[in-house]
C-alpha atoms as a PDB file:
ATOM      1  CA  MET A   1     105.822 134.184  57.652  1.00  0.00           C
ATOM      2  CA  VAL A   2     102.155 133.999  58.622  1.00  0.00           C
ATOM      3  CA  LEU A   3     101.810 137.735  57.839  1.00  0.00           C
ATOM      4  CA  ASP A   4     103.324 137.028  54.405  1.00  0.00           C
ATOM      5  CA  ARG A   5     100.639 134.397  53.737  1.00  0.00           C
ATOM      6  CA  LEU A   6      97.914 136.796  54.907  1.00  0.00           C
ATOM      7  CA  ARG A   7      99.287 139.446  52.582  1.00  0.00           C
ATOM      8  CA  GLY A   8      99.263 137.009  49.691  1.00  0.00           C
ATOM      9  CA  LYS A   9     102.986 136.554  49.433  1.00  0.00           C
ATOM     10  CA  LYS A  10     104.027 133.036  48.452  1.00  0.00           C
ATOM     11  CA  LYS A  11     106.531 131.074  50.490  1.00  0.00           C
ATOM     12  CA  GLN A  12     109.866 130.875  48.700  1.00  0.00           C
ATOM     13  CA  ALA A  13     110.305 127.300  47.448  1.00  0.00           C
ATOM     14  CA  ALA A  14     113.608 125.582  47.888  1.00  0.00           C
ATOM     15  CA  PRO A  15     115.379 125.150  44.545  1.00  0.00           C
ATOM     16  CA  ALA A  16     114.998 121.752  43.057  1.00  0.00           C
ATOM     17  CA  ILE A  17     117.943 119.446  42.697  1.00  0.00           C
ATOM     18  CA  SER A  18     118.581 116.995  39.930  1.00  0.00           C
ATOM     19  CA  ARG A  19     118.418 113.280  40.293  1.00  0.00           C
ATOM     20  CA  SER A  20     122.233 112.976  40.208  1.00  0.00           C
ATOM     21  CA  GLU A  21     122.565 115.686  42.840  1.00  0.00           C
ATOM     22  CA  PHE A  22     120.080 113.864  44.993  1.00  0.00           C
ATOM     23  CA  LEU A  23     121.988 110.599  44.728  1.00  0.00           C
ATOM     24  CA  ASP A  24     125.163 112.334  45.732  1.00  0.00           C
ATOM     25  CA  ILE A  25     123.921 113.819  49.070  1.00  0.00           C
ATOM     26  CA  LYS A  26     124.799 112.081  52.251  1.00  0.00           C
ATOM     27  CA  PRO A  27     121.905 111.918  54.781  1.00  0.00           C
ATOM     28  CA  VAL A  28     122.756 112.134  58.448  1.00  0.00           C
ATOM     29  CA  ARG A  29     120.679 111.531  61.533  1.00  0.00           C
ATOM     30  CA  ASN A  30     120.061 114.379  64.022  1.00  0.00           C
ATOM     31  CA  SER A  31     122.668 113.686  66.650  1.00  0.00           C
ATOM     32  CA  ALA A  32     120.497 115.393  69.311  1.00  0.00           C
ATOM     33  CA  LEU A  33     117.994 112.475  69.060  1.00  0.00           C
ATOM     34  CA  ARG A  34     118.086 109.384  71.238  1.00  0.00           C
ATOM     35  CA  TRP A  35     117.161 106.170  69.458  1.00  0.00           C
ATOM     36  CA  GLU A  36     117.035 102.448  70.321  1.00  0.00           C
ATOM     37  CA  LYS A  37     116.816  99.319  68.259  1.00  0.00           C
ATOM     38  CA  ASN A  38     114.798  96.336  69.514  1.00  0.00           C
ATOM     39  CA  LYS A  39     115.452  92.607  68.984  1.00  0.00           C
ATOM     40  CA  GLU A  40     113.417  92.608  65.784  1.00  0.00           C
ATOM     41  CA  GLY A  41     115.570  95.443  64.296  1.00  0.00           C
ATOM     42  CA  ILE A  42     112.840  98.095  64.673  1.00  0.00           C
ATOM     43  CA  ILE A  43     114.097 101.547  65.637  1.00  0.00           C
ATOM     44  CA  MET A  44     112.230 103.814  68.123  1.00  0.00           C
ATOM     45  CA  LEU A  45     113.150 107.456  67.994  1.00  0.00           C
ATOM     46  CA  PHE A  46     112.837 109.707  71.130  1.00  0.00           C
ATOM     47  CA  VAL A  47     112.288 113.280  70.171  1.00  0.00           C
ATOM     48  CA  PRO A  48     112.567 115.840  72.877  1.00  0.00           C
ATOM     49  CA  LEU A  49     109.456 118.106  73.178  1.00  0.00           C
ATOM     50  CA  LYS A  50     109.609 121.885  73.354  1.00  0.00           C
ATOM     51  CA  GLU A  51     107.999 123.513  76.432  1.00  0.00           C
ATOM     52  CA  SER A  52     105.154 124.761  74.240  1.00  0.00           C
ATOM     53  CA  GLN A  53     104.415 121.199  73.104  1.00  0.00           C
ATOM     54  CA  LYS A  54     104.367 119.969  76.696  1.00  0.00           C
ATOM     55  CA  LYS A  55     101.578 122.420  77.749  1.00  0.00           C
ATOM     56  CA  GLY A  56      98.129 122.603  76.261  1.00  0.00           C
ATOM     57  CA  ARG A  57      94.826 120.948  77.314  1.00  0.00           C
ATOM     58  CA  LYS A  58      95.181 118.623  80.259  1.00  0.00           C
ATOM     59  CA  SER A  59      93.173 115.488  80.489  1.00  0.00           C
ATOM     60  CA  ILE A  60      92.544 113.791  83.854  1.00  0.00           C
ATOM     61  CA  PHE A  61      94.988 111.074  82.879  1.00  0.00           C
ATOM     62  CA  SER A  62      97.746 113.538  81.994  1.00  0.00           C
ATOM     63  CA  MET A  63      97.278 115.335  85.372  1.00  0.00           C
ATOM     64  CA  LEU A  64      97.745 112.024  87.182  1.00  0.00           C
ATOM     65  CA  SER A  65     100.805 110.915  85.258  1.00  0.00           C
ATOM     66  CA  SER A  66     103.975 112.895  84.763  1.00  0.00           C
ATOM     67  CA  PRO A  67     104.265 114.452  81.327  1.00  0.00           C
ATOM     68  CA  SER A  68     106.689 112.705  78.917  1.00  0.00           C
ATOM     69  CA  PRO A  69     109.545 115.027  78.038  1.00  0.00           C
ATOM     70  CA  GLU A  70     109.729 113.343  74.543  1.00  0.00           C
ATOM     71  CA  LYS A  71     107.733 112.040  71.672  1.00  0.00           C
ATOM     72  CA  LYS A  72     108.202 108.495  70.521  1.00  0.00           C
ATOM     73  CA  ILE A  73     108.304 107.632  66.861  1.00  0.00           C
ATOM     74  CA  ARG A  74     108.369 103.903  65.764  1.00  0.00           C
ATOM     75  CA  LEU A  75     109.959 103.347  62.394  1.00  0.00           C
ATOM     76  CA  ASP A  76     108.959 100.410  60.128  1.00  0.00           C
ATOM     77  CA  VAL A  77     111.346  97.742  59.030  1.00  0.00           C
ATOM     78  CA  VAL A  78     112.738  99.428  55.912  1.00  0.00           C
ATOM     79  CA  GLY A  79     112.715 102.808  57.679  1.00  0.00           C
ATOM     80  CA  SER A  80     114.770 101.366  60.494  1.00  0.00           C
ATOM     81  CA  ILE A  81     117.363  99.994  57.969  1.00  0.00           C
ATOM     82  CA  VAL A  82     117.564 103.296  56.189  1.00  0.00           C
ATOM     83  CA  TRP A  83     117.865 105.105  59.519  1.00  0.00           C
ATOM     84  CA  GLU A  84     120.948 103.090  60.429  1.00  0.00           C
ATOM     85  CA  LEU A  85     122.501 103.620  57.033  1.00  0.00           C
ATOM     86  CA  CYS A  86     122.151 107.478  57.361  1.00  0.00           C
ATOM     87  CA  ASP A  87     125.532 107.989  59.000  1.00  0.00           C
ATOM     88  CA  GLY A  88     126.708 110.936  57.010  1.00  0.00           C
ATOM     89  CA  GLU A  89     129.187 108.777  55.130  1.00  0.00           C
ATOM     90  CA  LYS A  90     126.952 106.828  52.713  1.00  0.00           C
ATOM     91  CA  THR A  91     125.328 108.687  49.801  1.00  0.00           C
ATOM     92  CA  VAL A  92     121.711 108.189  48.730  1.00  0.00           C
ATOM     93  CA  ARG A  93     123.151 106.224  45.840  1.00  0.00           C
ATOM     94  CA  ASP A  94     124.778 103.822  48.323  1.00  0.00           C
ATOM     95  CA  ILE A  95     121.458 103.401  50.185  1.00  0.00           C
ATOM     96  CA  VAL A  96     119.588 102.855  46.945  1.00  0.00           C
ATOM     97  CA  ARG A  97     122.090 100.157  45.964  1.00  0.00           C
ATOM     98  CA  PHE A  98     121.704  98.457  49.320  1.00  0.00           C
ATOM     99  CA  LEU A  99     117.896  98.457  49.097  1.00  0.00           C
ATOM    100  CA  HIS A 100     118.122  97.092  45.582  1.00  0.00           C
ATOM    101  CA  GLU A 101     120.511  94.270  46.510  1.00  0.00           C
ATOM    102  CA  LYS A 102     119.120  93.272  49.906  1.00  0.00           C
ATOM    103  CA  HIS A 103     115.496  93.967  49.547  1.00  0.00           C
ATOM    104  CA  LYS A 104     114.981  93.487  45.813  1.00  0.00           C
ATOM    105  CA  MET A 105     113.568  96.989  45.359  1.00  0.00           C
ATOM    106  CA  LEU A 106     113.797  98.531  41.907  1.00  0.00           C
ATOM    107  CA  PRO A 107     116.317 101.395  41.979  1.00  0.00           C
ATOM    108  CA  SER A 108     113.742 103.855  40.775  1.00  0.00           C
ATOM    109  CA  GLU A 109     111.273 102.665  43.504  1.00  0.00           C
ATOM    110  CA  ALA A 110     113.980 103.000  46.158  1.00  0.00           C
ATOM    111  CA  GLU A 111     114.900 106.513  44.968  1.00  0.00           C
ATOM    112  CA  LEU A 112     111.270 107.731  45.023  1.00  0.00           C
ATOM    113  CA  SER A 113     110.649 106.153  48.482  1.00  0.00           C
ATOM    114  CA  LEU A 114     113.867 107.645  49.873  1.00  0.00           C
ATOM    115  CA  ASN A 115     113.045 111.084  48.467  1.00  0.00           C
ATOM    116  CA  THR A 116     109.608 111.022  50.277  1.00  0.00           C
ATOM    117  CA  TYR A 117     111.063 109.539  53.443  1.00  0.00           C
ATOM    118  CA  PHE A 118     113.942 112.037  53.710  1.00  0.00           C
ATOM    119  CA  ASN A 119     111.575 114.951  53.017  1.00  0.00           C
ATOM    120  CA  GLN A 120     109.341 113.812  55.950  1.00  0.00           C
ATOM    121  CA  LEU A 121     112.243 113.291  58.306  1.00  0.00           C
ATOM    122  CA  SER A 122     113.973 116.575  57.404  1.00  0.00           C
ATOM    123  CA  LYS A 123     110.757 118.598  57.815  1.00  0.00           C
ATOM    124  CA  ARG A 124     110.482 117.233  61.354  1.00  0.00           C
ATOM    125  CA  GLY A 125     114.153 117.980  62.072  1.00  0.00           C
ATOM    126  CA  LEU A 126     115.091 114.395  62.428  1.00  0.00           C
ATOM    127  CA  MET A 127     117.565 114.318  59.627  1.00  0.00           C
ATOM    128  CA  GLY A 128     120.006 116.609  57.727  1.00  0.00           C
ATOM    129  CA  PHE A 129     122.183 116.294  54.686  1.00  0.00           C
ATOM    130  CA  PHE A 130     125.816 116.814  53.725  1.00  0.00           C
ATOM    131  CA  VAL A 131     125.730 118.311  50.262  1.00  0.00           C
ATOM    132  CA  PRO A 132     128.678 118.155  47.851  1.00  0.00           C
ATOM    133  CA  GLU A 133     130.307 121.614  47.329  1.00  0.00           C
ATOM    134  CA  GLU A 134     129.267 121.784  43.610  1.00  0.00           C
ATOM    135  CA  THR A 135     125.691 120.989  44.402  1.00  0.00           C
ATOM    136  CA  HIS A 136     125.703 123.579  47.233  1.00  0.00           C
ATOM    137  CA  THR A 137     127.085 126.231  44.764  1.00  0.00           C
ATOM    138  CA  HIS A 138     124.473 125.368  42.166  1.00  0.00           C
ATOM    139  CA  LEU A 139     121.662 125.639  44.714  1.00  0.00           C
ATOM    140  CA  GLU A 140     122.901 129.041  45.919  1.00  0.00           C
ATOM    141  CA  GLU A 141     123.059 130.319  42.286  1.00  0.00           C
ATOM    142  CA  THR A 142     119.572 129.009  41.579  1.00  0.00           C
ATOM    143  CA  ALA A 143     118.174 130.690  44.659  1.00  0.00           C
ATOM    144  CA  LYS A 144     119.798 134.047  43.712  1.00  0.00           C
ATOM    145  CA  LYS A 145     118.239 133.850  40.320  1.00  0.00           C
ATOM    146  CA  GLU A 146     114.827 133.053  41.758  1.00  0.00           C
ATOM    147  CA  LYS A 147     115.133 135.945  44.194  1.00  0.00           C
ATOM    148  CA  LYS A 148     115.697 138.375  41.372  1.00  0.00           C
ATOM    149  CA  LYS A 149     112.463 137.447  39.589  1.00  0.00           C
END
């Protein structure tokens, strides 16, 4: 991949999905993660570190204490609510509806925020998605067309 960038080859972009396809996907939390909810409803994620992430430059403090085998990520209030709703059963449309009704967010604002939030979480490997069969087929066909170009 790095060599491709050095050779001037562009990284193949994932095919875009339509708004209705986005609303039909079902986000699901990474089951390998440990998470806890505090009294205020805030969620803390505990992400296991790879061996390569545990090594590196050592400070005096890190030499005196034992290295943490995980990274902690604290979600905000709305992020915590969304995290709990991502059970693999609810669609993005369901989550948008919930945010609109309970938190008075405009549906378009909720969609945009969820899109950004889900992109960040999925890039970090914290979340995945169940995609309806017809959307999956559409994405495969689009990817094949792009590959032929």
